């Protein structure tokens, strides 16, 4: 199920990118993208703007829903890790290792001891 949502997520992301690149700016001429007056007949009487805007809105909605679904699956996987049997942080006690003290001056030495 998660892999299907990931595939849908990627396809929708590519679709959003394509739709945004196809759309015209506010001051752009319709003939620049679709070749003159024929652009009005391709997408209906409302022109390409209305169709592409609604398509982009739909793709964005599906993208956000798939994002929430992926976040839910990630949360479930994180909660499942606790059931593996590993000790929790409170159960683990950290103890400092014993470090041997090096005696650089032998006991039978006549060297003065500085306090």
PDB file of N, CA and C in Angstrom:
ATOM      1  N   UNK A   1       0.817  -1.187   0.000  1.00  0.00           N
ATOM      2  CA  UNK A   1       0.000   0.000   0.000  1.00  0.00           C
ATOM      3  C   UNK A   1       0.866   1.259   0.000  1.00  0.00           C
ATOM      4  N   UNK A   2       1.923   1.210   0.807  1.00  0.00           N
ATOM      5  CA  UNK A   2       2.800   2.371   0.886  1.00  0.00           C
ATOM      6  C   UNK A   2       3.510   2.625  -0.441  1.00  0.00           C
ATOM      7  N   UNK A   3       3.921   1.566  -1.118  1.00  0.00           N
ATOM      8  CA  UNK A   3       4.613   1.748  -2.401  1.00  0.00           C
ATOM      9  C   UNK A   3       3.670   2.318  -3.460  1.00  0.00           C
ATOM     10  N   UNK A   4       2.392   1.966  -3.403  1.00  0.00           N
ATOM     11  CA  UNK A   4       1.422   2.527  -4.351  1.00  0.00           C
ATOM     12  C   UNK A   4       1.275   4.029  -4.106  1.00  0.00           C
ATOM     13  N   UNK A   5       1.224   4.418  -2.834  1.00  0.00           N
ATOM     14  CA  UNK A   5       1.092   5.836  -2.508  1.00  0.00           C
ATOM     15  C   UNK A   5       2.345   6.601  -2.931  1.00  0.00           C
ATOM     16  N   UNK A   6       3.518   5.994  -2.781  1.00  0.00           N
ATOM     17  CA  UNK A   6       4.750   6.654  -3.219  1.00  0.00           C
ATOM     18  C   UNK A   6       4.734   6.857  -4.733  1.00  0.00           C
ATOM     19  N   UNK A   7       4.284   5.855  -5.479  1.00  0.00           N
ATOM     20  CA  UNK A   7       4.214   5.975  -6.937  1.00  0.00           C
ATOM     21  C   UNK A   7       3.226   7.073  -7.330  1.00  0.00           C
ATOM     22  N   UNK A   8       2.052   7.087  -6.694  1.00  0.00           N
ATOM     23  CA  UNK A   8       1.062   8.136  -6.980  1.00  0.00           C
ATOM     24  C   UNK A   8       1.644   9.500  -6.628  1.00  0.00           C
ATOM     25  N   UNK A   9       2.351   9.584  -5.523  1.00  0.00           N
ATOM     26  CA  UNK A   9       2.954  10.843  -5.074  1.00  0.00           C
ATOM     27  C   UNK A   9       3.936  11.372  -6.128  1.00  0.00           C
ATOM     28  N   UNK A  10       4.770  10.508  -6.659  1.00  0.00           N
ATOM     29  CA  UNK A  10       5.760  10.915  -7.657  1.00  0.00           C
ATOM     30  C   UNK A  10       5.086  11.328  -8.964  1.00  0.00           C
ATOM     31  N   UNK A  11       4.081  10.557  -9.393  1.00  0.00           N
ATOM     32  CA  UNK A  11       3.374  10.890 -10.633  1.00  0.00           C
ATOM     33  C   UNK A  11       2.657  12.227 -10.501  1.00  0.00           C
ATOM     34  N   UNK A  12       2.028  12.458  -9.361  1.00  0.00           N
ATOM     35  CA  UNK A  12       1.328  13.721  -9.136  1.00  0.00           C
ATOM     36  C   UNK A  12       2.322  14.883  -9.091  1.00  0.00           C
ATOM     37  N   UNK A  13       3.471  14.678  -8.487  1.00  0.00           N
ATOM     38  CA  UNK A  13       4.484  15.741  -8.437  1.00  0.00           C
ATOM     39  C   UNK A  13       4.945  16.102  -9.851  1.00  0.00           C
ATOM     40  N   UNK A  14       5.173  15.105 -10.681  1.00  0.00           N
ATOM     41  CA  UNK A  14       5.560  15.368 -12.069  1.00  0.00           C
ATOM     42  C   UNK A  14       4.427  16.069 -12.807  1.00  0.00           C
ATOM     43  N   UNK A  15       3.186  15.659 -12.544  1.00  0.00           N
ATOM     44  CA  UNK A  15       2.034  16.303 -13.171  1.00  0.00           C
ATOM     45  C   UNK A  15       1.904  17.762 -12.777  1.00  0.00           C
ATOM     46  N   UNK A  16       2.132  18.069 -11.504  1.00  0.00           N
ATOM     47  CA  UNK A  16       2.060  19.466 -11.049  1.00  0.00           C
ATOM     48  C   UNK A  16       3.138  20.298 -11.737  1.00  0.00           C
ATOM     49  N   UNK A  17       4.329  19.744 -11.832  1.00  0.00           N
ATOM     50  CA  UNK A  17       5.413  20.468 -12.504  1.00  0.00           C
ATOM     51  C   UNK A  17       5.049  20.742 -13.954  1.00  0.00           C
ATOM     52  N   UNK A  18       4.511  19.740 -14.641  1.00  0.00           N
ATOM     53  CA  UNK A  18       4.134  19.913 -16.046  1.00  0.00           C
ATOM     54  C   UNK A  18       3.018  20.945 -16.199  1.00  0.00           C
ATOM     55  N   UNK A  19       2.018  20.879 -15.339  1.00  0.00           N
ATOM     56  CA  UNK A  19       0.911  21.831 -15.435  1.00  0.00           C
ATOM     57  C   UNK A  19       1.357  23.261 -15.165  1.00  0.00           C
ATOM     58  N   UNK A  20       2.234  23.445 -14.227  1.00  0.00           N
ATOM     59  CA  UNK A  20       2.716  24.790 -13.924  1.00  0.00           C
ATOM     60  C   UNK A  20       3.549  25.325 -15.093  1.00  0.00           C
ATOM     61  N   UNK A  21       4.344  24.457 -15.706  1.00  0.00           N
ATOM     62  CA  UNK A  21       5.155  24.914 -16.834  1.00  0.00           C
ATOM     63  C   UNK A  21       4.304  25.226 -18.064  1.00  0.00           C
ATOM     64  N   UNK A  22       3.188  24.532 -18.238  1.00  0.00           N
ATOM     65  CA  UNK A  22       2.316  24.760 -19.388  1.00  0.00           C
ATOM     66  C   UNK A  22       1.547  26.072 -19.244  1.00  0.00           C
ATOM     67  N   UNK A  23       1.194  26.451 -18.034  1.00  0.00           N
ATOM     68  CA  UNK A  23       0.351  27.629 -17.822  1.00  0.00           C
ATOM     69  C   UNK A  23       1.071  28.904 -18.256  1.00  0.00           C
ATOM     70  N   UNK A  24       0.262  29.846 -18.676  1.00  0.00           N
ATOM     71  CA  UNK A  24       0.781  31.124 -19.134  1.00  0.00           C
ATOM     72  C   UNK A  24       0.767  32.121 -17.999  1.00  0.00           C
ATOM     73  N   UNK A  25       1.637  33.090 -18.107  1.00  0.00           N
ATOM     74  CA  UNK A  25       1.626  34.184 -17.155  1.00  0.00           C
ATOM     75  C   UNK A  25       0.451  35.108 -17.432  1.00  0.00           C
ATOM     76  N   UNK A  26       0.213  36.071 -16.545  1.00  0.00           N
ATOM     77  CA  UNK A  26      -0.925  36.969 -16.717  1.00  0.00           C
ATOM     78  C   UNK A  26      -0.818  37.800 -17.998  1.00  0.00           C
ATOM     79  N   UNK A  27       0.356  38.216 -18.363  1.00  0.00           N
ATOM     80  CA  UNK A  27       0.517  39.063 -19.532  1.00  0.00           C
ATOM     81  C   UNK A  27       0.882  38.309 -20.789  1.00  0.00           C
ATOM     82  N   UNK A  28       0.947  36.990 -20.743  1.00  0.00           N
ATOM     83  CA  UNK A  28       1.386  36.212 -21.904  1.00  0.00           C
ATOM     84  C   UNK A  28       0.270  36.116 -22.930  1.00  0.00           C
ATOM     85  N   UNK A  29       0.654  36.035 -24.187  1.00  0.00           N
ATOM     86  CA  UNK A  29      -0.299  35.909 -25.281  1.00  0.00           C
ATOM     87  C   UNK A  29      -0.641  34.438 -25.483  1.00  0.00           C
ATOM     88  N   UNK A  30      -1.890  34.118 -25.767  1.00  0.00           N
ATOM     89  CA  UNK A  30      -2.312  32.733 -25.966  1.00  0.00           C
ATOM     90  C   UNK A  30      -1.639  32.122 -27.177  1.00  0.00           C
ATOM     91  N   UNK A  31      -1.298  32.914 -28.165  1.00  0.00           N
ATOM     92  CA  UNK A  31      -0.677  32.392 -29.379  1.00  0.00           C
ATOM     93  C   UNK A  31       0.735  31.910 -29.163  1.00  0.00           C
ATOM     94  N   UNK A  32       1.389  32.361 -28.118  1.00  0.00           N
ATOM     95  CA  UNK A  32       2.772  31.976 -27.879  1.00  0.00           C
ATOM     96  C   UNK A  32       2.901  30.497 -27.529  1.00  0.00           C
ATOM     97  N   UNK A  33       1.905  29.929 -26.880  1.00  0.00           N
ATOM     98  CA  UNK A  33       2.008  28.540 -26.442  1.00  0.00           C
ATOM     99  C   UNK A  33       1.298  27.556 -27.354  1.00  0.00           C
ATOM    100  N   UNK A  34       0.136  27.938 -27.901  1.00  0.00           N
ATOM    101  CA  UNK A  34      -0.671  26.965 -28.624  1.00  0.00           C
ATOM    102  C   UNK A  34      -0.882  27.304 -30.094  1.00  0.00           C
ATOM    103  N   UNK A  35      -0.311  28.361 -30.586  1.00  0.00           N
ATOM    104  CA  UNK A  35      -0.405  28.652 -31.996  1.00  0.00           C
ATOM    105  C   UNK A  35      -1.624  29.429 -32.413  1.00  0.00           C
ATOM    106  N   UNK A  36      -1.843  30.562 -31.859  1.00  0.00           N
ATOM    107  CA  UNK A  36      -2.894  31.456 -32.321  1.00  0.00           C
ATOM    108  C   UNK A  36      -4.235  31.204 -31.679  1.00  0.00           C
ATOM    109  N   UNK A  37      -5.294  31.396 -32.456  1.00  0.00           N
ATOM    110  CA  UNK A  37      -6.656  31.307 -31.946  1.00  0.00           C
ATOM    111  C   UNK A  37      -7.128  29.892 -31.692  1.00  0.00           C
ATOM    112  N   UNK A  38      -6.395  28.904 -32.098  1.00  0.00           N
ATOM    113  CA  UNK A  38      -6.809  27.518 -31.895  1.00  0.00           C
ATOM    114  C   UNK A  38      -6.798  27.127 -30.421  1.00  0.00           C
ATOM    115  N   UNK A  39      -6.103  27.885 -29.579  1.00  0.00           N
ATOM    116  CA  UNK A  39      -6.017  27.532 -28.158  1.00  0.00           C
ATOM    117  C   UNK A  39      -7.370  27.631 -27.479  1.00  0.00           C
ATOM    118  N   UNK A  40      -8.249  28.484 -27.968  1.00  0.00           N
ATOM    119  CA  UNK A  40      -9.556  28.618 -27.352  1.00  0.00           C
ATOM    120  C   UNK A  40     -10.427  27.399 -27.615  1.00  0.00           C
ATOM    121  N   UNK A  41     -10.181  26.691 -28.706  1.00  0.00           N
ATOM    122  CA  UNK A  41     -11.011  25.533 -29.026  1.00  0.00           C
ATOM    123  C   UNK A  41     -10.486  24.254 -28.391  1.00  0.00           C
ATOM    124  N   UNK A  42      -9.220  24.207 -28.034  1.00  0.00           N
ATOM    125  CA  UNK A  42      -8.643  22.993 -27.455  1.00  0.00           C
ATOM    126  C   UNK A  42      -9.208  22.737 -26.063  1.00  0.00           C
ATOM    127  N   UNK A  43      -9.315  23.766 -25.245  1.00  0.00           N
ATOM    128  CA  UNK A  43      -9.747  23.609 -23.859  1.00  0.00           C
ATOM    129  C   UNK A  43     -11.170  24.096 -23.620  1.00  0.00           C
ATOM    130  N   UNK A  44     -11.907  24.438 -24.649  1.00  0.00           N
ATOM    131  CA  UNK A  44     -13.279  24.898 -24.485  1.00  0.00           C
ATOM    132  C   UNK A  44     -13.362  26.407 -24.583  1.00  0.00           C
ATOM    133  N   UNK A  45     -14.561  26.923 -24.357  1.00  0.00           N
ATOM    134  CA  UNK A  45     -14.773  28.357 -24.534  1.00  0.00           C
ATOM    135  C   UNK A  45     -14.115  29.191 -23.446  1.00  0.00           C
ATOM    136  N   UNK A  46     -13.841  28.596 -22.293  1.00  0.00           N
ATOM    137  CA  UNK A  46     -13.200  29.337 -21.201  1.00  0.00           C
ATOM    138  C   UNK A  46     -11.724  29.533 -21.415  1.00  0.00           C
ATOM    139  N   UNK A  47     -11.166  28.878 -22.399  1.00  0.00           N
ATOM    140  CA  UNK A  47      -9.734  28.985 -22.651  1.00  0.00           C
ATOM    141  C   UNK A  47      -8.952  27.994 -21.815  1.00  0.00           C
ATOM    142  N   UNK A  48      -7.627  28.066 -21.979  1.00  0.00           N
ATOM    143  CA  UNK A  48      -6.762  27.105 -21.292  1.00  0.00           C
ATOM    144  C   UNK A  48      -6.581  27.444 -19.818  1.00  0.00           C
ATOM    145  N   UNK A  49      -6.727  28.697 -19.443  1.00  0.00           N
ATOM    146  CA  UNK A  49      -6.461  29.114 -18.069  1.00  0.00           C
ATOM    147  C   UNK A  49      -7.341  28.433 -17.051  1.00  0.00           C
ATOM    148  N   UNK A  50      -8.634  28.388 -17.308  1.00  0.00           N
ATOM    149  CA  UNK A  50      -9.559  27.804 -16.353  1.00  0.00           C
ATOM    150  C   UNK A  50      -9.323  26.305 -16.199  1.00  0.00           C
ATOM    151  N   UNK A  51      -9.149  25.593 -17.299  1.00  0.00           N
ATOM    152  CA  UNK A  51      -8.910  24.147 -17.258  1.00  0.00           C
ATOM    153  C   UNK A  51      -7.605  23.822 -16.532  1.00  0.00           C
ATOM    154  N   UNK A  52      -6.543  24.524 -16.887  1.00  0.00           N
ATOM    155  CA  UNK A  52      -5.239  24.244 -16.273  1.00  0.00           C
ATOM    156  C   UNK A  52      -5.227  24.632 -14.792  1.00  0.00           C
ATOM    157  N   UNK A  53      -5.904  25.693 -14.440  1.00  0.00           N
ATOM    158  CA  UNK A  53      -5.964  26.115 -13.036  1.00  0.00           C
ATOM    159  C   UNK A  53      -6.695  25.081 -12.193  1.00  0.00           C
ATOM    160  N   UNK A  54      -7.810  24.596 -12.703  1.00  0.00           N
ATOM    161  CA  UNK A  54      -8.550  23.571 -11.949  1.00  0.00           C
ATOM    162  C   UNK A  54      -7.777  22.259 -11.877  1.00  0.00           C
ATOM    163  N   UNK A  55      -7.110  21.908 -12.960  1.00  0.00           N
ATOM    164  CA  UNK A  55      -6.305  20.678 -12.951  1.00  0.00           C
ATOM    165  C   UNK A  55      -5.165  20.782 -11.939  1.00  0.00           C
ATOM    166  N   UNK A  56      -4.518  21.935 -11.908  1.00  0.00           N
ATOM    167  CA  UNK A  56      -3.425  22.135 -10.953  1.00  0.00           C
ATOM    168  C   UNK A  56      -3.936  22.074  -9.521  1.00  0.00           C
ATOM    169  N   UNK A  57      -5.100  22.659  -9.278  1.00  0.00           N
ATOM    170  CA  UNK A  57      -5.685  22.617  -7.931  1.00  0.00           C
ATOM    171  C   UNK A  57      -6.005  21.184  -7.517  1.00  0.00           C
ATOM    172  N   UNK A  58      -6.550  20.402  -8.444  1.00  0.00           N
ATOM    173  CA  UNK A  58      -6.864  19.000  -8.142  1.00  0.00           C
ATOM    174  C   UNK A  58      -5.584  18.207  -7.864  1.00  0.00           C
ATOM    175  N   UNK A  59      -4.571  18.399  -8.699  1.00  0.00           N
ATOM    176  CA  UNK A  59      -3.310  17.679  -8.502  1.00  0.00           C
ATOM    177  C   UNK A  59      -2.664  18.079  -7.171  1.00  0.00           C
ATOM    178  N   UNK A  60      -2.764  19.354  -6.808  1.00  0.00           N
ATOM    179  CA  UNK A  60      -2.199  19.805  -5.527  1.00  0.00           C
ATOM    180  C   UNK A  60      -2.931  19.161  -4.356  1.00  0.00           C
ATOM    181  N   UNK A  61      -4.249  19.042  -4.453  1.00  0.00           N
ATOM    182  CA  UNK A  61      -5.030  18.396  -3.394  1.00  0.00           C
ATOM    183  C   UNK A  61      -4.616  16.935  -3.227  1.00  0.00           C
ATOM    184  N   UNK A  62      -4.492  16.224  -4.340  1.00  0.00           N
ATOM    185  CA  UNK A  62      -4.084  14.811  -4.281  1.00  0.00           C
ATOM    186  C   UNK A  62      -2.655  14.699  -3.741  1.00  0.00           C
ATOM    187  N   UNK A  63      -1.786  15.646  -4.105  1.00  0.00           N
ATOM    188  CA  UNK A  63      -0.404  15.631  -3.618  1.00  0.00           C
ATOM    189  C   UNK A  63      -0.362  15.787  -2.098  1.00  0.00           C
ATOM    190  N   UNK A  64      -1.156  16.720  -1.563  1.00  0.00           N
ATOM    191  CA  UNK A  64      -1.174  16.913  -0.108  1.00  0.00           C
ATOM    192  C   UNK A  64      -1.770  15.699   0.605  1.00  0.00           C
ATOM    193  N   UNK A  65      -2.796  15.110   0.032  1.00  0.00           N
ATOM    194  CA  UNK A  65      -3.380  13.920   0.655  1.00  0.00           C
ATOM    195  C   UNK A  65      -2.393  12.755   0.655  1.00  0.00           C
ATOM    196  N   UNK A  66      -1.658  12.587  -0.427  1.00  0.00           N
ATOM    197  CA  UNK A  66      -0.660  11.514  -0.452  1.00  0.00           C
ATOM    198  C   UNK A  66       0.483  11.815   0.514  1.00  0.00           C
ATOM    199  N   UNK A  67       0.800  13.091   0.698  1.00  0.00           N
ATOM    200  CA  UNK A  67       1.833  13.455   1.685  1.00  0.00           C
ATOM    201  C   UNK A  67       1.397  13.079   3.095  1.00  0.00           C
ATOM    202  N   UNK A  68       0.139  13.356   3.416  1.00  0.00           N
ATOM    203  CA  UNK A  68      -0.376  12.982   4.736  1.00  0.00           C
ATOM    204  C   UNK A  68      -0.407  11.465   4.915  1.00  0.00           C
ATOM    205  N   UNK A  69      -0.764  10.743   3.859  1.00  0.00           N
ATOM    206  CA  UNK A  69      -0.787   9.278   3.942  1.00  0.00           C
ATOM    207  C   UNK A  69       0.618   8.731   4.170  1.00  0.00           C
ATOM    208  N   UNK A  70       1.612   9.273   3.483  1.00  0.00           N
ATOM    209  CA  UNK A  70       2.992   8.824   3.682  1.00  0.00           C
ATOM    210  C   UNK A  70       3.485   9.157   5.088  1.00  0.00           C
ATOM    211  N   UNK A  71       3.086  10.297   5.615  1.00  0.00           N
ATOM    212  CA  UNK A  71       3.461  10.653   6.991  1.00  0.00           C
ATOM    213  C   UNK A  71       2.835   9.688   7.984  1.00  0.00           C
ATOM    214  N   UNK A  72       1.597   9.280   7.731  1.00  0.00           N
ATOM    215  CA  UNK A  72       0.930   8.317   8.609  1.00  0.00           C
ATOM    216  C   UNK A  72       1.665   6.976   8.600  1.00  0.00           C
ATOM    217  N   UNK A  73       2.038   6.494   7.411  1.00  0.00           N
ATOM    218  CA  UNK A  73       2.763   5.222   7.330  1.00  0.00           C
ATOM    219  C   UNK A  73       4.126   5.317   8.008  1.00  0.00           C
ATOM    220  N   UNK A  74       4.795   6.453   7.879  1.00  0.00           N
ATOM    221  CA  UNK A  74       6.091   6.629   8.539  1.00  0.00           C
ATOM    222  C   UNK A  74       5.929   6.608  10.053  1.00  0.00           C
ATOM    223  N   UNK A  75       4.862   7.213  10.556  1.00  0.00           N
ATOM    224  CA  UNK A  75       4.604   7.210  12.001  1.00  0.00           C
ATOM    225  C   UNK A  75       4.336   5.791  12.498  1.00  0.00           C
ATOM    226  N   UNK A  76       3.567   5.032  11.735  1.00  0.00           N
ATOM    227  CA  UNK A  76       3.273   3.651  12.132  1.00  0.00           C
ATOM    228  C   UNK A  76       4.531   2.799  12.158  1.00  0.00           C
ATOM    229  N   UNK A  77       5.421   3.005  11.195  1.00  0.00           N
ATOM    230  CA  UNK A  77       6.679   2.256  11.200  1.00  0.00           C
ATOM    231  C   UNK A  77       7.537   2.634  12.393  1.00  0.00           C
ATOM    232  N   UNK A  78       7.547   3.910  12.750  1.00  0.00           N
ATOM    233  CA  UNK A  78       8.341   4.354  13.898  1.00  0.00           C
ATOM    234  C   UNK A  78       7.788   3.780  15.197  1.00  0.00           C
ATOM    235  N   UNK A  79       6.473   3.683  15.307  1.00  0.00           N
ATOM    236  CA  UNK A  79       5.875   3.096  16.507  1.00  0.00           C
ATOM    237  C   UNK A  79       6.137   1.596  16.564  1.00  0.00           C
ATOM    238  N   UNK A  80       6.238   0.941  15.422  1.00  0.00           N
ATOM    239  CA  UNK A  80       6.487  -0.490  15.381  1.00  0.00           C
ATOM    240  C   UNK A  80       7.889  -0.868  15.809  1.00  0.00           C
ATOM    241  N   UNK A  81       8.814   0.054  15.743  1.00  0.00           N
ATOM    242  CA  UNK A  81      10.192  -0.221  16.143  1.00  0.00           C
ATOM    243  C   UNK A  81      10.271  -0.475  17.643  1.00  0.00           C
ATOM    244  N   UNK A  82       9.378   0.140  18.408  1.00  0.00           N
ATOM    245  CA  UNK A  82       9.383  -0.056  19.854  1.00  0.00           C
ATOM    246  C   UNK A  82       9.027  -1.492  20.222  1.00  0.00           C
ATOM    247  N   UNK A  83       8.310  -2.196  19.367  1.00  0.00           N
ATOM    248  CA  UNK A  83       7.881  -3.563  19.656  1.00  0.00           C
ATOM    249  C   UNK A  83       8.928  -4.606  19.294  1.00  0.00           C
ATOM    250  N   UNK A  84      10.082  -4.199  18.805  1.00  0.00           N
ATOM    251  CA  UNK A  84      11.111  -5.138  18.368  1.00  0.00           C
ATOM    252  C   UNK A  84      11.738  -5.854  19.554  1.00  0.00           C
ATOM    253  N   UNK A  85      11.773  -5.230  20.704  1.00  0.00           N
ATOM    254  CA  UNK A  85      12.360  -5.853  21.884  1.00  0.00           C
ATOM    255  C   UNK A  85      13.637  -5.184  22.339  1.00  0.00           C
ATOM    256  N   UNK A  86      13.987  -4.075  21.760  1.00  0.00           N
ATOM    257  CA  UNK A  86      15.166  -3.349  22.193  1.00  0.00           C
ATOM    258  C   UNK A  86      14.856  -2.641  23.505  1.00  0.00           C
ATOM    259  N   UNK A  87      15.829  -2.525  24.368  1.00  0.00           N
ATOM    260  CA  UNK A  87      15.566  -1.838  25.641  1.00  0.00           C
ATOM    261  C   UNK A  87      15.349  -0.352  25.408  1.00  0.00           C
ATOM    262  N   UNK A  88      14.526   0.236  26.255  1.00  0.00           N
ATOM    263  CA  UNK A  88      14.266   1.669  26.132  1.00  0.00           C
ATOM    264  C   UNK A  88      15.437   2.449  26.720  1.00  0.00           C
ATOM    265  N   UNK A  89      15.403   3.737  26.530  1.00  0.00           N
ATOM    266  CA  UNK A  89      16.486   4.584  27.016  1.00  0.00           C
ATOM    267  C   UNK A  89      16.557   4.555  28.539  1.00  0.00           C
ATOM    268  N   UNK A  90      15.423   4.453  29.213  1.00  0.00           N
ATOM    269  CA  UNK A  90      15.418   4.446  30.671  1.00  0.00           C
ATOM    270  C   UNK A  90      16.008   3.150  31.223  1.00  0.00           C
ATOM    271  N   UNK A  91      15.893   2.051  30.476  1.00  0.00           N
ATOM    272  CA  UNK A  91      16.383   0.777  30.967  1.00  0.00           C
ATOM    273  C   UNK A  91      17.887   0.626  30.831  1.00  0.00           C
ATOM    274  N   UNK A  92      18.479   1.363  29.956  1.00  0.00           N
ATOM    275  CA  UNK A  92      19.916   1.253  29.722  1.00  0.00           C
ATOM    276  C   UNK A  92      20.633   2.183  30.694  1.00  0.00           C
ATOM    277  N   UNK A  93      21.532   1.622  31.482  1.00  0.00           N
ATOM    278  CA  UNK A  93      22.310   2.422  32.420  1.00  0.00           C
ATOM    279  C   UNK A  93      23.714   2.560  31.864  1.00  0.00           C
ATOM    280  N   UNK A  94      24.156   3.769  31.774  1.00  0.00           N
ATOM    281  CA  UNK A  94      25.487   4.031  31.251  1.00  0.00           C
ATOM    282  C   UNK A  94      26.449   4.080  32.420  1.00  0.00           C
ATOM    283  N   UNK A  95      27.462   3.250  32.374  1.00  0.00           N
ATOM    284  CA  UNK A  95      28.492   3.256  33.410  1.00  0.00           C
ATOM    285  C   UNK A  95      29.805   3.647  32.766  1.00  0.00           C
ATOM    286  N   UNK A  96      30.569   4.408  33.515  1.00  0.00           N
ATOM    287  CA  UNK A  96      31.858   4.827  32.989  1.00  0.00           C
ATOM    288  C   UNK A  96      32.851   3.679  33.162  1.00  0.00           C
ATOM    289  N   UNK A  97      33.636   3.425  32.144  1.00  0.00           N
ATOM    290  CA  UNK A  97      34.614   2.338  32.265  1.00  0.00           C
ATOM    291  C   UNK A  97      35.723   2.718  33.245  1.00  0.00           C
ATOM    292  N   UNK A  98      36.251   1.709  33.902  1.00  0.00           N
ATOM    293  CA  UNK A  98      37.347   1.955  34.842  1.00  0.00           C
ATOM    294  C   UNK A  98      38.628   2.176  34.056  1.00  0.00           C
ATOM    295  N   UNK A  99      39.273   3.274  34.368  1.00  0.00           N
ATOM    296  CA  UNK A  99      40.516   3.617  33.688  1.00  0.00           C
ATOM    297  C   UNK A  99      41.670   3.300  34.637  1.00  0.00           C
ATOM    298  N   UNK A 100      42.602   2.493  34.191  1.00  0.00           N
ATOM    299  CA  UNK A 100      43.738   2.188  35.087  1.00  0.00           C
ATOM    300  C   UNK A 100      44.612   3.430  35.284  1.00  0.00           C
ATOM    301  N   UNK A 101      45.091   3.588  36.498  1.00  0.00           N
ATOM    302  CA  UNK A 101      45.969   4.709  36.820  1.00  0.00           C
ATOM    303  C   UNK A 101      47.397   4.262  36.576  1.00  0.00           C
ATOM    304  N   UNK A 102      48.089   5.013  35.776  1.00  0.00           N
ATOM    305  CA  UNK A 102      49.487   4.680  35.483  1.00  0.00           C
ATOM    306  C   UNK A 102      50.386   5.340  36.528  1.00  0.00           C
ATOM    307  N   UNK A 103      51.232   4.517  37.142  1.00  0.00           N
ATOM    308  CA  UNK A 103      52.191   5.033  38.119  1.00  0.00           C
ATOM    309  C   UNK A 103      53.500   5.240  37.386  1.00  0.00           C
ATOM    310  N   UNK A 104      53.798   6.515  37.075  1.00  0.00           N
ATOM    311  CA  UNK A 104      54.983   6.806  36.284  1.00  0.00           C
ATOM    312  C   UNK A 104      56.261   6.750  37.120  1.00  0.00           C
ATOM    313  N   UNK A 105      56.104   6.929  38.419  1.00  0.00           N
ATOM    314  CA  UNK A 105      57.276   6.886  39.283  1.00  0.00           C
ATOM    315  C   UNK A 105      57.209   5.599  40.098  1.00  0.00           C
ATOM    316  N   UNK A 106      58.184   4.713  39.956  1.00  0.00           N
ATOM    317  CA  UNK A 106      58.161   3.473  40.737  1.00  0.00           C
ATOM    318  C   UNK A 106      58.229   3.765  42.240  1.00  0.00           C
ATOM    319  N   UNK A 107      57.655   2.842  43.017  1.00  0.00           N
ATOM    320  CA  UNK A 107      57.582   3.018  44.473  1.00  0.00           C
ATOM    321  C   UNK A 107      58.959   3.016  45.124  1.00  0.00           C
ATOM    322  N   UNK A 108      59.932   2.311  44.588  1.00  0.00           N
ATOM    323  CA  UNK A 108      61.256   2.249  45.188  1.00  0.00           C
ATOM    324  C   UNK A 108      62.167   3.370  44.711  1.00  0.00           C
ATOM    325  N   UNK A 109      61.614   4.345  44.022  1.00  0.00           N
ATOM    326  CA  UNK A 109      62.404   5.460  43.490  1.00  0.00           C
ATOM    327  C   UNK A 109      62.643   6.478  44.605  1.00  0.00           C
ATOM    328  N   UNK A 110      63.773   7.191  44.526  1.00  0.00           N
ATOM    329  CA  UNK A 110      64.100   8.214  45.490  1.00  0.00           C
ATOM    330  C   UNK A 110      63.727   9.613  44.989  1.00  0.00           C
ATOM    331  N   UNK A 111      62.916   9.649  43.955  1.00  0.00           N
ATOM    332  CA  UNK A 111      62.528  10.950  43.409  1.00  0.00           C
ATOM    333  C   UNK A 111      61.593  11.651  44.376  1.00  0.00           C
ATOM    334  N   UNK A 112      61.720  12.960  44.516  1.00  0.00           N
ATOM    335  CA  UNK A 112      60.843  13.692  45.422  1.00  0.00           C
ATOM    336  C   UNK A 112      59.420  13.723  44.891  1.00  0.00           C
ATOM    337  N   UNK A 113      58.474  13.671  45.767  1.00  0.00           N
ATOM    338  CA  UNK A 113      57.069  13.710  45.426  1.00  0.00           C
ATOM    339  C   UNK A 113      56.596  15.140  45.573  1.00  0.00           C
ATOM    340  N   UNK A 114      56.024  15.691  44.526  1.00  0.00           N
ATOM    341  CA  UNK A 114      55.523  17.064  44.571  1.00  0.00           C
ATOM    342  C   UNK A 114      54.036  17.016  44.802  1.00  0.00           C
ATOM    343  N   UNK A 115      53.585  17.720  45.839  1.00  0.00           N
ATOM    344  CA  UNK A 115      52.157  17.767  46.143  1.00  0.00           C
ATOM    345  C   UNK A 115      51.496  18.928  45.490  1.00  0.00           C
TER     346      UNK A 115
END
